[in-house]
Amino acid sequence: MSDQNRKQPGEEYPQLKLDSQLCFPLYACARKVTNAYGPLLKPLGLTYTQYIVMLALWETGKEKVGELCSRLYLDCGTMTPMLKKMEESGLLTRCRCKDDERCVSICLTEKGWALREQVKDIPEKIGGCITLPQEETYELYRLLHKLLDNIEE
């Protein structure tokens, strides 16, 4: 193909343009929102992923590792070392399930429960970083959950 007939980069396959992808704005927004948590969580010794583990455990108090992995969309290879670190820092304990020795349960410690008081204002602070009108924020939240429920893997 001569240089005269060659299409400009991106013209031949417009469906491959970065800005044509649904995944890119989802990825970029997720990174920006997750990064906004960093300065709020770092003084508490938490990462964002540890924070969402704590959020889940504050709802239930106790959770099986497999169920927690499913709920948070994390694989066990990511979850296990993180839970070990959280146990070492005194936030939770891990123990074998009495009814099934192959299963591990996670329980919050007193220190883990006490941390809830220190993070209670974080959702509002993060909400302040999002400058969409409130009704658009709720609509985005609704649509993201709808998308999450309807993605076939």
C-alpha atoms as a PDB file:
ATOM      1  CA  MET A   1       0.000   0.000   0.000  1.00  0.00           C
ATOM      2  CA  SER A   2       1.424   3.372  -0.936  1.00  0.00           C
ATOM      3  CA  ASP A   3       1.729   6.202   1.556  1.00  0.00           C
ATOM      4  CA  GLN A   4      -1.055   8.058  -0.287  1.00  0.00           C
ATOM      5  CA  ASN A   5      -3.546   5.209   0.230  1.00  0.00           C
ATOM      6  CA  ARG A   6      -2.522   4.425   3.787  1.00  0.00           C
ATOM      7  CA  LYS A   7      -5.112   5.489   6.341  1.00  0.00           C
ATOM      8  CA  GLN A   8      -4.149   7.580   9.303  1.00  0.00           C
ATOM      9  CA  PRO A   9      -3.550   5.643  12.518  1.00  0.00           C
ATOM     10  CA  GLY A  10      -6.894   4.938  14.185  1.00  0.00           C
ATOM     11  CA  GLU A  11      -8.984   5.442  11.035  1.00  0.00           C
ATOM     12  CA  GLU A  12      -8.929   1.848   9.845  1.00  0.00           C
ATOM     13  CA  TYR A  13     -10.339   0.385  13.073  1.00  0.00           C
ATOM     14  CA  PRO A  14     -12.285   3.126  14.876  1.00  0.00           C
ATOM     15  CA  GLN A  15     -13.673   0.504  17.267  1.00  0.00           C
ATOM     16  CA  LEU A  16     -10.127   0.155  18.627  1.00  0.00           C
ATOM     17  CA  LYS A  17      -9.780   3.795  19.644  1.00  0.00           C
ATOM     18  CA  LEU A  18      -9.178   4.141  23.361  1.00  0.00           C
ATOM     19  CA  ASP A  19     -12.003   6.643  23.738  1.00  0.00           C
ATOM     20  CA  SER A  20     -14.401   4.201  22.034  1.00  0.00           C
ATOM     21  CA  GLN A  21     -13.965   1.647  24.814  1.00  0.00           C
ATOM     22  CA  LEU A  22     -16.439   1.357  27.684  1.00  0.00           C
ATOM     23  CA  CYS A  23     -13.693  -0.181  29.797  1.00  0.00           C
ATOM     24  CA  PHE A  24     -11.406   2.847  29.710  1.00  0.00           C
ATOM     25  CA  PRO A  25     -13.582   5.460  31.461  1.00  0.00           C
ATOM     26  CA  LEU A  26     -14.628   2.779  33.980  1.00  0.00           C
ATOM     27  CA  TYR A  27     -10.976   1.941  34.639  1.00  0.00           C
ATOM     28  CA  ALA A  28      -9.872   5.587  34.806  1.00  0.00           C
ATOM     29  CA  CYS A  29     -12.721   6.579  37.147  1.00  0.00           C
ATOM     30  CA  ALA A  30     -12.083   3.576  39.384  1.00  0.00           C
ATOM     31  CA  ARG A  31      -8.406   4.538  39.649  1.00  0.00           C
ATOM     32  CA  LYS A  32      -9.168   8.187  40.405  1.00  0.00           C
ATOM     33  CA  VAL A  33     -11.759   7.349  43.049  1.00  0.00           C
ATOM     34  CA  THR A  34      -9.577   4.649  44.609  1.00  0.00           C
ATOM     35  CA  ASN A  35      -6.592   7.024  44.663  1.00  0.00           C
ATOM     36  CA  ALA A  36      -8.699   9.644  46.456  1.00  0.00           C
ATOM     37  CA  TYR A  37      -8.945   7.231  49.400  1.00  0.00           C
ATOM     38  CA  GLY A  38      -5.156   6.999  49.774  1.00  0.00           C
ATOM     39  CA  PRO A  39      -4.525  10.158  51.827  1.00  0.00           C
ATOM     40  CA  LEU A  40      -7.468   9.309  54.092  1.00  0.00           C
ATOM     41  CA  LEU A  41      -6.505   5.677  54.687  1.00  0.00           C
ATOM     42  CA  LYS A  42      -2.706   5.897  54.835  1.00  0.00           C
ATOM     43  CA  PRO A  43      -2.598   7.525  58.311  1.00  0.00           C
ATOM     44  CA  LEU A  44      -4.706   4.596  59.541  1.00  0.00           C
ATOM     45  CA  GLY A  45      -2.340   2.039  58.017  1.00  0.00           C
ATOM     46  CA  LEU A  46      -4.935   0.798  55.524  1.00  0.00           C
ATOM     47  CA  THR A  47      -4.904   0.304  51.777  1.00  0.00           C
ATOM     48  CA  TYR A  48      -8.097   0.720  49.776  1.00  0.00           C
ATOM     49  CA  THR A  49      -8.469  -3.058  49.421  1.00  0.00           C
ATOM     50  CA  GLN A  50      -8.053  -3.524  53.181  1.00  0.00           C
ATOM     51  CA  TYR A  51     -10.653  -0.793  53.690  1.00  0.00           C
ATOM     52  CA  ILE A  52     -13.264  -2.623  51.600  1.00  0.00           C
ATOM     53  CA  VAL A  53     -12.500  -5.825  53.525  1.00  0.00           C
ATOM     54  CA  MET A  54     -13.169  -3.899  56.737  1.00  0.00           C
ATOM     55  CA  LEU A  55     -16.396  -2.442  55.313  1.00  0.00           C
ATOM     56  CA  ALA A  56     -17.639  -5.948  54.524  1.00  0.00           C
ATOM     57  CA  LEU A  57     -16.654  -7.274  57.954  1.00  0.00           C
ATOM     58  CA  TRP A  58     -18.277  -4.341  59.783  1.00  0.00           C
ATOM     59  CA  GLU A  59     -21.550  -5.443  58.174  1.00  0.00           C
ATOM     60  CA  THR A  60     -21.302  -9.071  59.248  1.00  0.00           C
ATOM     61  CA  GLY A  61     -18.650  -9.320  61.975  1.00  0.00           C
ATOM     62  CA  LYS A  62     -17.528 -12.675  60.606  1.00  0.00           C
ATOM     63  CA  GLU A  63     -17.068 -13.961  57.079  1.00  0.00           C
ATOM     64  CA  LYS A  64     -15.689 -17.014  55.316  1.00  0.00           C
ATOM     65  CA  VAL A  65     -12.700 -16.187  53.117  1.00  0.00           C
ATOM     66  CA  GLY A  66     -14.309 -17.642  49.986  1.00  0.00           C
ATOM     67  CA  GLU A  67     -17.500 -15.650  50.492  1.00  0.00           C
ATOM     68  CA  LEU A  68     -15.495 -12.485  51.110  1.00  0.00           C
ATOM     69  CA  CYS A  69     -13.483 -13.077  47.921  1.00  0.00           C
ATOM     70  CA  SER A  70     -16.695 -13.455  45.921  1.00  0.00           C
ATOM     71  CA  ARG A  71     -18.340 -10.428  47.455  1.00  0.00           C
ATOM     72  CA  LEU A  72     -15.331  -8.157  46.854  1.00  0.00           C
ATOM     73  CA  TYR A  73     -14.416  -9.599  43.430  1.00  0.00           C
ATOM     74  CA  LEU A  74     -10.953 -10.576  44.668  1.00  0.00           C
ATOM     75  CA  ASP A  75      -9.135 -13.854  44.130  1.00  0.00           C
ATOM     76  CA  CYS A  76      -7.802 -15.902  47.024  1.00  0.00           C
ATOM     77  CA  GLY A  77      -4.221 -15.267  45.877  1.00  0.00           C
ATOM     78  CA  THR A  78      -4.763 -11.564  46.570  1.00  0.00           C
ATOM     79  CA  MET A  79      -6.913 -11.995  49.652  1.00  0.00           C
ATOM     80  CA  THR A  80      -4.827 -14.477  51.666  1.00  0.00           C
ATOM     81  CA  PRO A  81      -1.608 -12.422  52.059  1.00  0.00           C
ATOM     82  CA  MET A  82      -3.635  -9.281  52.706  1.00  0.00           C
ATOM     83  CA  LEU A  83      -5.641 -10.986  55.469  1.00  0.00           C
ATOM     84  CA  LYS A  84      -2.392 -12.254  56.973  1.00  0.00           C
ATOM     85  CA  LYS A  85      -1.066  -8.656  57.146  1.00  0.00           C
ATOM     86  CA  MET A  86      -4.342  -7.451  58.642  1.00  0.00           C
ATOM     87  CA  GLU A  87      -4.172 -10.221  61.236  1.00  0.00           C
ATOM     88  CA  GLU A  88      -0.580  -9.259  62.090  1.00  0.00           C
ATOM     89  CA  SER A  89      -1.719  -5.658  62.602  1.00  0.00           C
ATOM     90  CA  GLY A  90      -4.397  -6.880  65.019  1.00  0.00           C
ATOM     91  CA  LEU A  91      -7.502  -5.964  62.994  1.00  0.00           C
ATOM     92  CA  LEU A  92      -8.851  -9.487  62.556  1.00  0.00           C
ATOM     93  CA  THR A  93      -8.296 -13.130  63.304  1.00  0.00           C
ATOM     94  CA  ARG A  94      -8.382 -16.107  60.967  1.00  0.00           C
ATOM     95  CA  CYS A  95      -9.553 -19.509  62.134  1.00  0.00           C
ATOM     96  CA  ARG A  96     -10.645 -22.807  60.618  1.00  0.00           C
ATOM     97  CA  CYS A  97     -14.387 -23.310  60.367  1.00  0.00           C
ATOM     98  CA  LYS A  98     -15.638 -25.868  62.868  1.00  0.00           C
ATOM     99  CA  ASP A  99     -18.007 -27.484  60.367  1.00  0.00           C
ATOM    100  CA  ASP A 100     -15.432 -27.651  57.534  1.00  0.00           C
ATOM    101  CA  GLU A 101     -11.687 -27.661  58.280  1.00  0.00           C
ATOM    102  CA  ARG A 102     -10.911 -26.637  54.671  1.00  0.00           C
ATOM    103  CA  CYS A 103     -12.697 -23.348  55.233  1.00  0.00           C
ATOM    104  CA  VAL A 104     -11.218 -20.279  56.958  1.00  0.00           C
ATOM    105  CA  SER A 105     -13.330 -17.672  58.740  1.00  0.00           C
ATOM    106  CA  ILE A 106     -12.325 -14.112  59.465  1.00  0.00           C
ATOM    107  CA  CYS A 107     -13.499 -12.320  62.602  1.00  0.00           C
ATOM    108  CA  LEU A 108     -12.913  -8.723  63.618  1.00  0.00           C
ATOM    109  CA  THR A 109     -10.948  -8.034  66.774  1.00  0.00           C
ATOM    110  CA  GLU A 110     -11.743  -5.216  69.198  1.00  0.00           C
ATOM    111  CA  LYS A 111      -9.129  -3.140  67.381  1.00  0.00           C
ATOM    112  CA  GLY A 112     -10.869  -3.889  64.080  1.00  0.00           C
ATOM    113  CA  TRP A 113     -14.235  -2.821  65.461  1.00  0.00           C
ATOM    114  CA  ALA A 114     -12.707   0.326  66.984  1.00  0.00           C
ATOM    115  CA  LEU A 115     -11.287   1.388  63.611  1.00  0.00           C
ATOM    116  CA  ARG A 116     -14.836   1.911  62.368  1.00  0.00           C
ATOM    117  CA  GLU A 117     -15.101   5.064  64.482  1.00  0.00           C
ATOM    118  CA  GLN A 118     -11.965   6.493  62.833  1.00  0.00           C
ATOM    119  CA  VAL A 119     -13.204   5.964  59.261  1.00  0.00           C
ATOM    120  CA  LYS A 120     -16.862   6.886  59.661  1.00  0.00           C
ATOM    121  CA  ASP A 121     -16.438  10.244  57.856  1.00  0.00           C
ATOM    122  CA  ILE A 122     -14.516   8.881  54.866  1.00  0.00           C
ATOM    123  CA  PRO A 123     -17.564   8.206  52.633  1.00  0.00           C
ATOM    124  CA  GLU A 124     -18.691  11.814  53.018  1.00  0.00           C
ATOM    125  CA  LYS A 125     -15.180  13.116  52.298  1.00  0.00           C
ATOM    126  CA  ILE A 126     -14.964  10.990  49.152  1.00  0.00           C
ATOM    127  CA  GLY A 127     -18.435  12.145  48.133  1.00  0.00           C
ATOM    128  CA  GLY A 128     -17.126  15.698  48.342  1.00  0.00           C
ATOM    129  CA  CYS A 129     -14.519  14.850  45.688  1.00  0.00           C
ATOM    130  CA  ILE A 130     -17.239  13.984  43.177  1.00  0.00           C
ATOM    131  CA  THR A 131     -18.618  17.196  41.754  1.00  0.00           C
ATOM    132  CA  LEU A 132     -21.609  15.756  39.907  1.00  0.00           C
ATOM    133  CA  PRO A 133     -25.056  16.920  40.951  1.00  0.00           C
ATOM    134  CA  GLN A 134     -26.505  14.588  43.582  1.00  0.00           C
ATOM    135  CA  GLU A 135     -29.161  13.125  41.261  1.00  0.00           C
ATOM    136  CA  GLU A 136     -26.500  12.286  38.645  1.00  0.00           C
ATOM    137  CA  THR A 137     -24.327  10.678  41.320  1.00  0.00           C
ATOM    138  CA  TYR A 138     -27.254   8.473  42.396  1.00  0.00           C
ATOM    139  CA  GLU A 139     -27.999   7.611  38.761  1.00  0.00           C
ATOM    140  CA  LEU A 140     -24.347   6.696  38.170  1.00  0.00           C
ATOM    141  CA  TYR A 141     -24.388   4.517  41.296  1.00  0.00           C
ATOM    142  CA  ARG A 142     -27.578   2.791  40.098  1.00  0.00           C
ATOM    143  CA  LEU A 143     -26.208   2.214  36.592  1.00  0.00           C
ATOM    144  CA  LEU A 144     -22.875   0.892  37.859  1.00  0.00           C
ATOM    145  CA  HIS A 145     -24.661  -1.652  40.045  1.00  0.00           C
ATOM    146  CA  LYS A 146     -26.916  -2.590  37.137  1.00  0.00           C
ATOM    147  CA  LEU A 147     -23.846  -3.067  34.941  1.00  0.00           C
ATOM    148  CA  LEU A 148     -22.130  -5.109  37.643  1.00  0.00           C
ATOM    149  CA  ASP A 149     -25.183  -7.369  37.891  1.00  0.00           C
ATOM    150  CA  ASN A 150     -25.405  -7.805  34.116  1.00  0.00           C
ATOM    151  CA  ILE A 151     -21.821  -8.462  33.043  1.00  0.00           C
ATOM    152  CA  GLU A 152     -21.411 -12.010  31.835  1.00  0.00           C
ATOM    153  CA  GLU A 153     -17.973 -13.407  32.559  1.00  0.00           C
END
